[in-house]
């Protein structure tokens, strides 16, 4: 229910499921853009997180994921790592911001 379109300001199929680094980022997106996101609590996506994100993305966002990492050195490295890891799932369509 957390990711239902009537709760967020737009549909997740339009923007993809946002995947961010931390819980503060999740709260920021909820407050400013009225959208929901999934927080990794790290800059590195694990295989378990990827598999869970695949399931959620297919349920709520048509399999589209938007990776939104911090714009610092660790965030850039995490985005690169996460994008490669996300592409290892053939049913996922990842994008980076």
Protein backbone atom coordinates (compact mmCIF):
# COMPACT_ATOMS: atom_id res chain seq x y z
CA UNK A 1 0.00 0.00 0.00
CA UNK A 2 2.97 2.29 0.60
CA UNK A 3 3.58 2.63 -3.16
CA UNK A 4 -0.01 2.96 -4.44
CA UNK A 5 -0.54 5.70 -7.07
CA UNK A 6 -3.26 7.43 -5.05
CA UNK A 7 -0.79 7.87 -2.18
CA UNK A 8 1.99 9.30 -4.32
CA UNK A 9 1.74 12.33 -6.58
CA UNK A 10 2.26 10.44 -9.83
CA UNK A 11 2.41 6.88 -11.02
CA UNK A 12 5.63 4.97 -10.58
CA UNK A 13 5.34 3.66 -14.15
CA UNK A 14 5.94 7.27 -15.24
CA UNK A 15 9.08 7.78 -13.18
CA UNK A 16 10.18 4.26 -12.29
CA UNK A 17 10.70 3.01 -8.76
CA UNK A 18 13.23 5.41 -7.18
CA UNK A 19 16.06 3.57 -5.42
CA UNK A 20 18.06 5.87 -3.15
CA UNK A 21 20.92 5.45 -0.69
CA UNK A 22 19.34 6.25 2.66
CA UNK A 23 16.19 6.66 4.69
CA UNK A 24 16.68 10.44 4.71
CA UNK A 25 16.51 10.39 0.91
CA UNK A 26 13.26 8.39 1.08
CA UNK A 27 11.75 10.97 3.45
CA UNK A 28 12.98 13.87 1.31
CA UNK A 29 11.32 12.46 -1.82
CA UNK A 30 8.10 11.86 0.10
CA UNK A 31 8.06 15.42 1.45
CA UNK A 32 9.15 17.35 -1.63
CA UNK A 33 7.90 15.35 -4.61
CA UNK A 34 5.12 13.36 -2.96
CA UNK A 35 6.66 10.18 -4.30
CA UNK A 36 7.84 7.06 -2.59
CA UNK A 37 11.20 5.36 -2.89
CA UNK A 38 13.17 2.36 -1.70
CA UNK A 39 16.26 3.07 0.42
CA UNK A 40 19.31 0.81 0.30
CA UNK A 41 20.84 2.14 3.55
CA UNK A 42 24.15 1.95 1.70
CA UNK A 43 25.73 3.03 -1.56
CA UNK A 44 26.16 -0.62 -2.57
CA UNK A 45 23.25 -2.77 -3.70
CA UNK A 46 23.41 -6.38 -2.55
CA UNK A 47 22.10 -9.31 -4.58
CA UNK A 48 19.24 -9.74 -2.09
CA UNK A 49 18.31 -6.04 -2.42
CA UNK A 50 18.42 -6.30 -6.22
CA UNK A 51 16.12 -9.33 -6.20
CA UNK A 52 13.70 -7.61 -3.82
CA UNK A 53 13.76 -4.41 -5.89
CA UNK A 54 12.99 -6.46 -9.02
CA UNK A 55 9.88 -7.88 -7.34
CA UNK A 56 8.70 -4.49 -6.08
CA UNK A 57 9.44 -2.75 -9.38
CA UNK A 58 7.38 -5.26 -11.32
CA UNK A 59 4.48 -4.91 -8.89
CA UNK A 60 4.34 -1.11 -8.85
CA UNK A 61 6.44 0.37 -11.67
CA UNK A 62 6.31 -1.91 -14.70
CA UNK A 63 9.83 -3.16 -14.00
CA UNK A 64 11.37 0.33 -14.31
CA UNK A 65 13.85 1.42 -11.64
CA UNK A 66 15.46 4.84 -11.30
CA UNK A 67 18.72 4.76 -9.33
CA UNK A 68 19.21 8.05 -7.49
CA UNK A 69 22.49 8.11 -5.60
CA UNK A 70 24.21 10.99 -3.81
CA UNK A 71 26.40 13.19 -5.99
CA UNK A 72 29.62 12.50 -4.15
CA UNK A 73 32.48 10.04 -4.71
CA UNK A 74 30.79 7.22 -2.80
CA UNK A 75 27.48 7.90 -4.55
CA UNK A 76 29.11 7.85 -7.98
CA UNK A 77 30.83 4.56 -7.22
CA UNK A 78 27.59 3.12 -5.82
CA UNK A 79 25.62 4.23 -8.87
CA UNK A 80 28.09 2.58 -11.20
CA UNK A 81 28.05 -0.62 -9.13
CA UNK A 82 24.25 -0.56 -8.76
CA UNK A 83 23.64 0.06 -12.45
CA UNK A 84 25.79 -2.92 -13.40
CA UNK A 85 24.11 -5.08 -10.75
CA UNK A 86 20.62 -3.99 -11.87
CA UNK A 87 21.46 -4.83 -15.49
CA UNK A 88 22.23 -8.39 -14.39
CA UNK A 89 18.49 -8.86 -13.96
CA UNK A 90 17.13 -9.26 -17.50
CA UNK A 91 13.60 -8.33 -16.42
CA UNK A 92 14.60 -4.94 -14.97
CA UNK A 93 14.91 -1.64 -16.81
CA UNK A 94 17.29 0.52 -14.72
CA UNK A 95 17.97 4.23 -15.20
CA UNK A 96 20.40 6.48 -13.34
CA UNK A 97 19.92 10.10 -12.31
